[in-house]
Amino acid sequence: MKKLFPFFLLGSVIILLIAVFSFKLPLQEEGNKKGAFKYKDFQKPEYCRQCHNQFYQQWSQAMMSQAYTHEWDEIEYFKLAVPHSEADPAMKGVHEGCNGCHTPMAYLAGDVPPPLPSENSRANESVSCEVCHLIKGIEGDTAYNFNWVIEPGTTKYSSRKGDTESPDHKIVETDLFSDTKICGSCHNEKSPFGIWVKSTQLEWEQGPYASEGVLCQDCHMPSTEMATAKMGAVYPNAKMHLFNGAHDPGKVRGTIELRIQPDIRESVPGEPVVFTVTLFNQKTGHKFPTGSVEDRIVWLHVEAEDEKGNVYHLPVDKKGFEGEEYTIASDVLAYQDMGVPLGIDNFEGVRREEVPIGDRIFRMPYFDPQGRMTIMQWNTASLGVDYRIGPRETKTETYTFELPWETEPGQLKVKATLYYRLLVKPVGEYLEVPEEEFAALEVNSHSTEITVYP
């Protein structure tokens, strides 16, 4: 028996291998969604509009309908991601994953990279009605990197079956559409180095709102009374499909409550006054900023104005934590790894943020394999200090201001203003991104005063 055992084992292995290679799983279940379907397997949004016009109109002005055509996304993809994938063997094919969330139909159709948006192909449909309402599940326990399971056909999935039968398709109610994992399948992302470069849904899971049952959908798809279809019933809690988020100024304004106060109310030139600013995140269920944190920049600017109109900039007091240098504005250069896709040898980079030097920045820096700060999330090998503002978190900053001798006696007004940019300005300017993409938006402000004596 001892002599026969190895042959028996070998025979068992051979039989097992034959079984494995004979039973081939569908592409979708293998995790290889690229090319699993064709464009014709999906209806166009205009087809859905025939019955769901209200949802179509909302979607058509939301970022979901522009995830591929949006100008910064187009520039980032075709100027950085695609050429980086071609220039660096270690990055080969990295651009393909972008399409999995920005234009899923193109990815599923194997149309990678898709035509430029100017060619008006079906890739321009971005995240369409069909893409979301054909999702029947999530692969694994954690939602990330478009690990949804899609099944084209006449069955549409929703959070509600409804009181009216559709003449066009079957409606299946699923808990997934009342679960944040459907959001996390694209709003959580790991880089090829295994680094969480987007973690919005995971931040929600770790925050206070998850335990209270407040979902992503409650804020980004608020309920209202409306008919979900032309021939359908009116529901008191129909979900809006505007997906208000980072690109909506109305959503961003007021996100952080801001207050400033001095340690004394009366002073004279040459005397130090300490101003304390408290920032409270009372509006988001995740950190602020979130999402494409390599792009986003939030900073606190404090300045004083005396009776004569003289303006003085107050730099933030340092706290001394590790990595703090990335949270205080300076004139250093960064993003040198852009030189690879841009074909520039020894690229010096561009200015890291271009906000007033000394201002406090709320961000989390991303670093490439060489340890340089990067704007390219797919090239992120490590993360720096996370100095963003969590949900219901309060951060406190101090500003020690020694009144200049030339300060005019009277009332000294000190104002704290929190600003937000979707994209770091020097990067936007260098890559010729439209100015509105990196325009500064005021999130909130607050003022206080002290009396200055001669």
Protein backbone atom coordinates (compact mmCIF):
# COMPACT_ATOMS: atom_id res chain seq x y z
CA MET A 1 0.00 0.00 0.00
CA LYS A 2 2.83 2.38 0.80
CA LYS A 3 4.20 1.97 -2.74
CA LEU A 4 0.81 2.48 -4.35
CA PHE A 5 -0.07 5.62 -2.33
CA PRO A 6 1.91 8.15 -4.43
CA PHE A 7 0.31 6.88 -7.64
CA PHE A 8 -3.10 7.04 -6.07
CA LEU A 9 -2.39 10.63 -4.95
CA LEU A 10 -1.10 11.59 -8.41
CA GLY A 11 -4.19 10.11 -10.01
CA SER A 12 -6.43 12.08 -7.66
CA VAL A 13 -4.60 15.33 -8.51
CA ILE A 14 -4.98 14.68 -12.24
CA ILE A 15 -8.70 14.00 -11.87
CA LEU A 16 -9.05 17.20 -9.80
CA LEU A 17 -7.22 19.30 -12.40
CA ILE A 18 -9.38 17.89 -15.21
CA ALA A 19 -12.47 18.79 -13.22
CA VAL A 20 -11.21 22.34 -12.55
CA PHE A 21 -10.33 23.12 -16.16
CA SER A 22 -13.47 21.47 -17.53
CA PHE A 23 -15.77 23.49 -15.26
CA LYS A 24 -15.19 27.09 -16.30
CA LEU A 25 -17.00 29.77 -14.32
CA PRO A 26 -18.59 32.75 -16.13
CA LEU A 27 -16.30 35.74 -16.57
CA GLN A 28 -18.35 37.74 -14.07
CA GLU A 29 -17.81 35.23 -11.29
CA GLU A 30 -14.10 34.95 -12.01
CA GLY A 31 -13.76 38.62 -11.19
CA ASN A 32 -12.86 39.39 -14.81
CA LYS A 33 -15.72 41.60 -15.87
CA LYS A 34 -13.89 43.24 -18.77
CA GLY A 35 -15.46 42.14 -22.04
CA ALA A 36 -18.08 39.97 -20.33
CA PHE A 37 -20.93 41.70 -22.17
CA LYS A 38 -21.70 44.00 -25.10
CA TYR A 39 -23.08 47.52 -25.25
CA LYS A 40 -26.27 46.18 -26.81
CA ASP A 41 -26.95 44.25 -23.60
CA PHE A 42 -27.73 47.56 -21.90
CA GLN A 43 -30.56 49.99 -22.56
CA LYS A 44 -29.68 53.65 -23.11
CA PRO A 45 -30.75 56.19 -20.47
CA GLU A 46 -33.05 57.79 -23.05
CA TYR A 47 -34.97 54.52 -23.22
CA CYS A 48 -35.52 54.64 -19.46
CA ARG A 49 -36.63 58.29 -19.73
CA GLN A 50 -39.83 57.21 -21.51
CA CYS A 51 -41.26 56.08 -18.20
CA HIS A 52 -38.89 57.53 -15.60
CA ASN A 53 -38.49 61.09 -16.87
CA GLN A 54 -38.13 62.67 -13.42
CA PHE A 55 -35.29 60.32 -12.48
CA TYR A 56 -33.70 60.80 -15.90
CA GLN A 57 -33.71 64.59 -15.57
CA GLN A 58 -32.19 64.39 -12.09
CA TRP A 59 -29.52 61.89 -13.20
CA SER A 60 -28.67 63.91 -16.33
CA GLN A 61 -27.48 66.88 -14.24
CA ALA A 62 -25.76 64.73 -11.61
CA MET A 63 -22.10 63.67 -11.64
CA MET A 64 -23.23 60.07 -12.22
CA SER A 65 -24.04 61.03 -15.81
CA GLN A 66 -20.64 62.78 -16.19
CA ALA A 67 -18.32 60.32 -14.49
CA TYR A 68 -16.54 59.71 -17.79
CA THR A 69 -17.11 63.01 -19.62
CA HIS A 70 -16.28 65.35 -16.74
CA GLU A 71 -13.28 67.42 -17.88
CA TRP A 72 -10.89 66.73 -14.99
CA ASP A 73 -11.66 63.01 -15.16
CA GLU A 74 -11.00 63.03 -18.91
CA ILE A 75 -7.69 64.88 -18.48
CA GLU A 76 -6.58 62.70 -15.58
CA TYR A 77 -7.41 59.56 -17.55
CA PHE A 78 -5.97 60.41 -20.97
CA LYS A 79 -3.04 62.61 -19.87
CA LEU A 80 -1.96 60.60 -16.84
CA ALA A 81 -3.54 57.15 -16.34
CA VAL A 82 -3.40 55.78 -19.91
CA PRO A 83 0.14 57.02 -20.74
CA HIS A 84 1.38 55.90 -17.31
CA SER A 85 0.03 52.44 -18.03
CA GLU A 86 1.92 52.44 -21.32
CA ALA A 87 5.18 53.99 -20.08
CA ASP A 88 5.75 52.02 -16.87
CA PRO A 89 5.73 48.19 -17.10
CA ALA A 90 4.81 48.03 -13.40
CA MET A 91 1.65 50.02 -14.19
CA LYS A 92 0.60 47.99 -17.24
CA GLY A 93 -3.19 47.88 -17.50
CA VAL A 94 -3.74 50.11 -14.48
CA HIS A 95 -5.93 52.47 -16.51
CA GLU A 96 -8.49 49.75 -17.13
CA GLY A 97 -9.77 49.80 -13.55
CA CYS A 98 -10.71 53.48 -13.87
CA ASN A 99 -13.39 52.53 -16.36
CA GLY A 100 -14.91 49.98 -14.00
CA CYS A 101 -16.46 52.86 -12.06
CA HIS A 102 -16.33 55.85 -14.41
CA THR A 103 -17.89 54.11 -17.40
CA PRO A 104 -18.84 50.57 -16.36
CA MET A 105 -20.59 49.70 -19.63
CA ALA A 106 -17.43 50.43 -21.61
CA TYR A 107 -15.46 48.21 -19.25
CA LEU A 108 -18.00 45.41 -19.42
CA ALA A 109 -18.00 45.70 -23.22
CA GLY A 110 -14.20 45.49 -23.32
CA ASP A 111 -14.04 48.98 -24.86
CA VAL A 112 -10.86 49.93 -22.97
CA PRO A 113 -9.62 52.57 -23.22
CA PRO A 114 -12.88 54.00 -24.52
CA PRO A 115 -13.03 56.66 -27.23
CA LEU A 116 -12.52 60.26 -26.15
CA PRO A 117 -15.72 61.89 -24.86
CA SER A 118 -15.70 64.15 -27.93
CA GLU A 119 -16.42 61.07 -30.05
CA ASN A 120 -19.75 60.66 -28.27
CA SER A 121 -19.63 56.88 -27.90
CA ARG A 122 -21.76 54.91 -25.48
CA ALA A 123 -18.95 55.21 -22.96
CA ASN A 124 -20.28 58.74 -22.42
CA GLU A 125 -23.30 57.28 -20.64
CA SER A 126 -20.97 56.98 -17.62
CA VAL A 127 -22.86 55.48 -14.65
CA SER A 128 -26.22 54.96 -16.32
CA CYS A 129 -29.63 53.75 -15.09
CA GLU A 130 -28.94 50.22 -16.33
CA VAL A 131 -25.54 49.98 -14.66
CA CYS A 132 -27.01 50.53 -11.19
CA HIS A 133 -30.36 48.79 -11.57
CA LEU A 134 -28.85 45.61 -12.99
CA ILE A 135 -26.63 45.10 -9.94
CA LYS A 136 -27.84 41.99 -8.14
CA GLY A 137 -25.11 41.61 -5.55
CA ILE A 138 -21.62 42.37 -4.22
CA GLU A 139 -18.73 39.90 -4.36
CA GLY A 140 -17.19 39.26 -0.94
CA ASP A 141 -17.74 40.98 2.38
CA THR A 142 -16.17 44.35 1.58
CA ALA A 143 -17.40 46.57 -1.25
CA TYR A 144 -14.59 48.10 -3.32
CA ASN A 145 -13.06 48.32 -6.82
CA PHE A 146 -16.39 47.74 -8.64
CA ASN A 147 -16.94 44.29 -7.16
CA TRP A 148 -20.63 44.41 -7.98
CA VAL A 149 -22.32 41.54 -9.82
CA ILE A 150 -24.27 42.66 -12.87
CA GLU A 151 -26.79 40.64 -14.83
CA PRO A 152 -28.16 42.32 -17.99
CA GLY A 153 -31.73 41.54 -18.86
CA THR A 154 -35.31 42.57 -18.24
CA THR A 155 -35.03 42.18 -14.45
CA LYS A 156 -34.26 45.46 -12.69
CA TYR A 157 -33.27 45.63 -9.04
CA SER A 158 -34.51 48.32 -6.67
CA SER A 159 -35.14 49.15 -3.02
CA ARG A 160 -38.88 48.93 -3.74
CA LYS A 161 -40.96 46.61 -5.89
CA GLY A 162 -43.74 49.14 -6.09
CA ASP A 163 -47.52 48.90 -6.32
CA THR A 164 -47.62 48.94 -10.12
CA GLU A 165 -46.33 46.29 -12.49
CA SER A 166 -44.03 47.67 -15.17
CA PRO A 167 -45.03 46.83 -18.76
CA ASP A 168 -41.36 46.81 -19.75
CA HIS A 169 -39.42 44.92 -17.11
CA LYS A 170 -39.62 42.85 -13.97
CA ILE A 171 -38.83 44.63 -10.70
CA VAL A 172 -37.07 42.73 -7.93
CA GLU A 173 -36.79 44.31 -4.50
CA THR A 174 -33.38 43.78 -2.91
CA ASP A 175 -31.86 44.82 0.40
CA LEU A 176 -28.69 45.84 -1.45
CA PHE A 177 -30.31 49.09 -2.59
CA SER A 178 -30.94 49.99 1.04
CA ASP A 179 -27.37 49.10 1.94
CA THR A 180 -24.31 51.35 1.71
CA LYS A 181 -22.29 48.55 0.10
CA ILE A 182 -23.78 49.40 -3.28
CA CYS A 183 -22.14 52.83 -2.87
CA GLY A 184 -18.91 51.36 -1.52
CA SER A 185 -18.43 49.19 -4.60
CA CYS A 186 -17.13 52.31 -6.34
CA HIS A 187 -16.57 54.77 -3.50
CA ASN A 188 -14.05 52.45 -1.85
CA GLU A 189 -10.89 51.77 -3.85
CA LYS A 190 -7.60 50.01 -3.33
CA SER A 191 -4.53 50.95 -5.38
CA PRO A 192 -2.44 48.22 -7.06
CA PHE A 193 -0.24 48.45 -3.96
CA GLY A 194 -3.14 47.45 -1.70
CA ILE A 195 -3.61 50.97 -0.27
CA TRP A 196 -7.10 52.32 0.41
CA VAL A 197 -7.07 55.41 -1.83
CA LYS A 198 -10.84 55.89 -1.53
CA SER A 199 -12.67 54.79 1.58
CA THR A 200 -15.83 56.90 1.85
CA GLN A 201 -18.18 54.03 2.65
CA LEU A 202 -15.64 52.49 5.05
CA GLU A 203 -15.35 55.85 6.82
CA TRP A 204 -19.13 55.80 7.21
CA GLU A 205 -18.98 52.27 8.67
CA GLN A 206 -16.46 53.42 11.26
CA GLY A 207 -18.35 56.62 12.11
CA PRO A 208 -21.33 57.39 14.34
CA TYR A 209 -24.05 57.35 11.67
CA ALA A 210 -23.73 53.66 10.77
CA SER A 211 -24.85 52.54 14.23
CA GLU A 212 -27.78 54.96 14.02
CA GLY A 213 -28.96 53.60 10.68
CA VAL A 214 -28.32 56.81 8.73
CA LEU A 215 -27.25 55.66 5.25
CA CYS A 216 -25.33 57.26 2.39
CA GLN A 217 -28.63 57.29 0.50
CA ASP A 218 -30.33 59.35 3.21
CA CYS A 219 -28.06 62.33 2.48
CA HIS A 220 -27.13 61.85 -1.18
CA MET A 221 -30.52 60.53 -2.37
CA PRO A 222 -32.96 62.30 -0.03
CA SER A 223 -36.58 61.16 0.03
CA THR A 224 -39.42 63.20 -1.43
CA GLU A 225 -43.02 62.73 -2.52
CA MET A 226 -43.20 61.93 -6.23
CA ALA A 227 -44.18 59.32 -8.78
CA THR A 228 -41.29 57.04 -9.69
CA ALA A 229 -42.74 56.41 -13.16
CA LYS A 230 -45.21 58.22 -15.39
CA MET A 231 -47.85 55.53 -14.98
CA GLY A 232 -46.82 54.63 -11.45
CA ALA A 233 -48.04 55.48 -8.00
CA VAL A 234 -46.96 58.52 -5.99
CA TYR A 235 -44.77 57.54 -3.02
CA PRO A 236 -44.08 59.70 0.03
CA ASN A 237 -40.46 58.49 0.19
CA ALA A 238 -39.27 58.28 -3.40
CA LYS A 239 -35.48 58.64 -3.63
CA MET A 240 -34.09 61.63 -5.54
CA HIS A 241 -31.45 60.74 -8.14
CA LEU A 242 -29.42 63.97 -8.00
CA PHE A 243 -26.59 62.36 -6.00
CA ASN A 244 -25.54 65.70 -4.49
CA GLY A 245 -21.93 65.51 -3.35
CA ALA A 246 -18.51 67.11 -3.59
CA HIS A 247 -19.29 68.84 -6.90
CA ASP A 248 -22.40 70.53 -5.49
CA PRO A 249 -21.52 73.87 -3.80
CA GLY A 250 -24.80 73.76 -1.90
CA LYS A 251 -23.79 70.44 -0.37
CA VAL A 252 -20.31 71.61 0.57
CA ARG A 253 -21.24 74.98 2.05
CA GLY A 254 -21.79 74.80 5.78
CA THR A 255 -20.36 71.30 6.09
CA ILE A 256 -18.06 72.47 8.87
CA GLU A 257 -19.23 74.79 11.65
CA LEU A 258 -16.58 77.38 12.42
CA ARG A 259 -16.02 79.60 15.46
CA ILE A 260 -13.12 81.86 16.51
CA GLN A 261 -12.48 83.62 19.81
CA PRO A 262 -9.53 85.44 21.47
CA ASP A 263 -8.00 84.73 24.87
CA ILE A 264 -8.24 88.45 25.77
CA ARG A 265 -10.54 91.22 24.58
CA GLU A 266 -8.22 94.20 25.01
CA SER A 267 -4.59 94.54 23.95
CA VAL A 268 -1.83 96.89 22.87
CA PRO A 269 0.74 96.70 20.03
CA GLY A 270 3.55 94.28 20.82
CA GLU A 271 1.38 92.07 23.03
CA PRO A 272 0.49 88.51 21.94
CA VAL A 273 -3.14 87.47 21.56
CA VAL A 274 -4.10 83.81 21.06
CA PHE A 275 -7.07 83.15 18.81
CA THR A 276 -8.68 79.71 19.00
CA VAL A 277 -10.64 78.29 16.06
CA THR A 278 -12.94 75.30 16.53
CA LEU A 279 -14.15 73.34 13.53
CA PHE A 280 -17.03 70.88 13.92
CA ASN A 281 -18.08 68.44 11.19
CA GLN A 282 -21.81 68.43 11.71
CA LYS A 283 -22.93 67.49 8.21
CA THR A 284 -21.09 64.50 6.73
CA GLY A 285 -21.27 60.82 7.64
CA HIS A 286 -17.68 60.41 6.47
CA LYS A 287 -14.49 62.41 6.74
CA PHE A 288 -14.16 65.84 5.15
CA PRO A 289 -12.72 65.91 2.60
CA THR A 290 -13.34 62.38 1.34
CA GLY A 291 -13.29 60.45 -1.93
CA SER A 292 -10.48 61.56 -4.22
CA VAL A 293 -8.44 62.87 -1.31
CA GLU A 294 -5.33 63.10 -3.49
CA ASP A 295 -7.17 65.84 -5.41
CA ARG A 296 -9.13 67.58 -2.66
CA ILE A 297 -7.75 70.34 -0.50
CA VAL A 298 -9.40 72.09 2.47
CA TRP A 299 -7.61 74.88 4.31
CA LEU A 300 -8.22 77.37 7.11
CA HIS A 301 -7.21 80.98 6.53
CA VAL A 302 -7.13 83.53 9.37
CA GLU A 303 -6.47 87.24 8.95
CA ALA A 304 -6.84 90.39 11.00
CA GLU A 305 -7.85 93.88 9.85
CA ASP A 306 -7.33 97.03 11.91
CA GLU A 307 -9.22 100.33 11.92
CA LYS A 308 -7.14 101.70 9.03
CA GLY A 309 -7.75 98.66 6.83
CA ASN A 310 -4.31 97.14 7.31
CA VAL A 311 -4.55 93.35 6.85
CA TYR A 312 -2.35 90.86 8.68
CA HIS A 313 -2.13 87.14 7.88
CA LEU A 314 -2.02 84.80 10.90
CA PRO A 315 -0.14 81.50 10.40
CA VAL A 316 -1.35 78.50 12.42
CA ASP A 317 0.48 77.42 15.59
CA LYS A 318 2.30 74.14 15.03
CA LYS A 319 1.19 71.13 17.09
CA GLY A 320 4.26 68.97 16.50
CA PHE A 321 2.66 65.73 15.32
CA GLU A 322 4.37 63.42 12.82
CA GLY A 323 3.72 64.45 9.23
CA GLU A 324 2.45 67.90 10.22
CA GLU A 325 4.52 69.51 7.47
CA TYR A 326 1.97 68.20 4.95
CA THR A 327 -0.84 69.97 6.81
CA ILE A 328 0.69 73.45 6.76
CA ALA A 329 0.84 75.34 3.46
CA SER A 330 4.31 75.97 2.07
CA ASP A 331 5.97 76.66 -1.28
CA VAL A 332 7.53 73.19 -1.71
CA LEU A 333 7.16 71.22 -4.95
CA ALA A 334 5.38 67.88 -5.26
CA TYR A 335 3.80 65.45 -7.77
CA GLN A 336 7.09 64.69 -9.54
CA ASP A 337 5.78 61.27 -10.63
CA MET A 338 3.56 63.02 -13.20
CA GLY A 339 6.74 63.28 -15.25
CA VAL A 340 6.46 59.59 -16.22
CA PRO A 341 3.10 59.77 -18.05
CA LEU A 342 3.90 63.27 -19.32
CA GLY A 343 7.21 62.03 -20.77
CA ILE A 344 9.31 64.60 -18.88
CA ASP A 345 12.63 63.38 -17.52
CA ASN A 346 13.62 64.69 -14.07
CA PHE A 347 10.31 66.51 -13.72
CA GLU A 348 10.63 69.00 -10.85
CA GLY A 349 6.92 68.89 -10.04
CA VAL A 350 4.60 71.78 -9.28
CA ARG A 351 3.79 73.66 -6.11
CA ARG A 352 2.14 71.37 -3.57
CA GLU A 353 -0.97 73.49 -2.88
CA GLU A 354 -0.64 77.24 -3.60
CA VAL A 355 -2.58 78.58 -0.64
CA PRO A 356 -1.25 81.23 1.77
CA ILE A 357 1.91 79.92 3.46
CA GLY A 358 1.24 78.98 7.07
CA ASP A 359 -2.45 78.11 6.63
CA ARG A 360 -3.67 74.85 8.17
CA ILE A 361 -4.61 72.16 5.61
CA PHE A 362 -7.00 69.30 6.31
CA ARG A 363 -5.83 66.47 4.08
CA MET A 364 -4.23 63.04 3.83
CA PRO A 365 -1.15 62.95 1.57
CA TYR A 366 -0.59 60.07 -0.87
CA PHE A 367 2.94 58.86 -1.66
CA ASP A 368 4.32 57.00 -4.68
CA PRO A 369 6.76 54.04 -4.41
CA GLN A 370 9.66 56.54 -4.24
CA GLY A 371 8.10 58.35 -1.27
CA ARG A 372 7.07 61.44 -3.25
CA MET A 373 3.67 63.03 -2.80
CA THR A 374 1.43 61.98 -5.68
CA ILE A 375 -1.81 63.12 -7.28
CA MET A 376 -2.18 59.77 -9.08
CA GLN A 377 -4.12 57.42 -6.81
CA TRP A 378 -3.19 54.32 -8.83
CA ASN A 379 0.47 55.08 -8.08
CA THR A 380 -0.09 55.30 -4.32
CA ALA A 381 2.15 52.97 -2.32
CA SER A 382 1.62 54.56 1.11
CA LEU A 383 -0.39 57.21 2.94
CA GLY A 384 0.69 60.04 5.19
CA VAL A 385 -0.94 61.54 8.26
CA ASP A 386 -4.75 61.62 8.08
CA TYR A 387 -5.58 65.16 9.22
CA ARG A 388 -9.11 65.32 7.86
CA ILE A 389 -12.19 66.12 9.95
CA GLY A 390 -14.23 63.04 10.84
CA PRO A 391 -18.01 62.90 11.23
CA ARG A 392 -19.06 64.81 14.37
CA GLU A 393 -15.39 65.47 15.11
CA THR A 394 -14.18 68.81 16.42
CA LYS A 395 -10.70 70.06 15.62
CA THR A 396 -9.13 73.00 17.42
CA GLU A 397 -6.45 75.29 15.96
CA THR A 398 -4.69 78.19 17.66
CA TYR A 399 -3.14 81.32 16.18
CA THR A 400 -0.75 83.34 18.32
CA PHE A 401 -0.67 86.88 16.98
CA GLU A 402 1.77 89.44 18.33
CA LEU A 403 0.16 92.72 17.44
CA PRO A 404 2.48 94.73 15.14
CA TRP A 405 3.61 98.08 16.50
CA GLU A 406 1.91 99.83 13.60
CA THR A 407 -1.52 98.35 14.45
CA GLU A 408 -4.06 101.15 14.41
CA PRO A 409 -5.83 101.69 17.76
CA GLY A 410 -9.51 100.79 17.76
CA GLN A 411 -11.31 97.60 16.83
CA LEU A 412 -9.25 94.78 15.33
CA LYS A 413 -11.45 92.36 13.41
CA VAL A 414 -10.15 88.79 13.02
CA LYS A 415 -11.82 86.45 10.53
CA ALA A 416 -11.39 82.69 10.06
CA THR A 417 -12.45 81.24 6.70
CA LEU A 418 -12.48 77.60 5.62
CA TYR A 419 -11.97 76.99 1.89
CA TYR A 420 -12.38 73.92 -0.31
CA ARG A 421 -10.99 72.96 -3.71
CA LEU A 422 -11.92 69.91 -5.77
CA LEU A 423 -8.43 69.86 -7.26
CA VAL A 424 -5.05 71.21 -6.21
CA LYS A 425 -4.70 74.48 -8.14
CA PRO A 426 -1.11 74.11 -9.46
CA VAL A 427 -1.94 70.66 -10.86
CA GLY A 428 -5.07 72.00 -12.52
CA GLU A 429 -3.20 74.91 -14.05
CA TYR A 430 -0.30 72.75 -15.26
CA LEU A 431 -2.60 70.20 -16.92
CA GLU A 432 -4.83 72.96 -18.36
CA VAL A 433 -7.93 71.89 -16.47
CA PRO A 434 -10.83 74.39 -16.66
CA GLU A 435 -10.49 76.94 -13.87
CA GLU A 436 -13.84 76.09 -12.29
CA GLU A 437 -12.41 72.69 -11.37
CA PHE A 438 -9.99 74.22 -8.88
CA ALA A 439 -11.85 77.39 -7.90
CA ALA A 440 -11.85 78.06 -4.15
CA LEU A 441 -15.25 77.57 -2.50
CA GLU A 442 -15.94 79.12 0.89
CA VAL A 443 -17.23 76.42 3.24
CA ASN A 444 -17.80 78.68 6.24
CA SER A 445 -16.43 81.69 8.11
CA HIS A 446 -16.66 83.45 11.45
CA SER A 447 -15.28 86.68 12.91
CA THR A 448 -14.38 88.12 16.28
CA GLU A 449 -12.98 91.44 17.54
CA ILE A 450 -10.64 92.83 20.16
CA THR A 451 -9.98 96.41 21.19
CA VAL A 452 -6.49 97.76 20.54
CA TYR A 453 -5.25 100.62 22.70
CA PRO A 454 -2.39 103.00 21.78
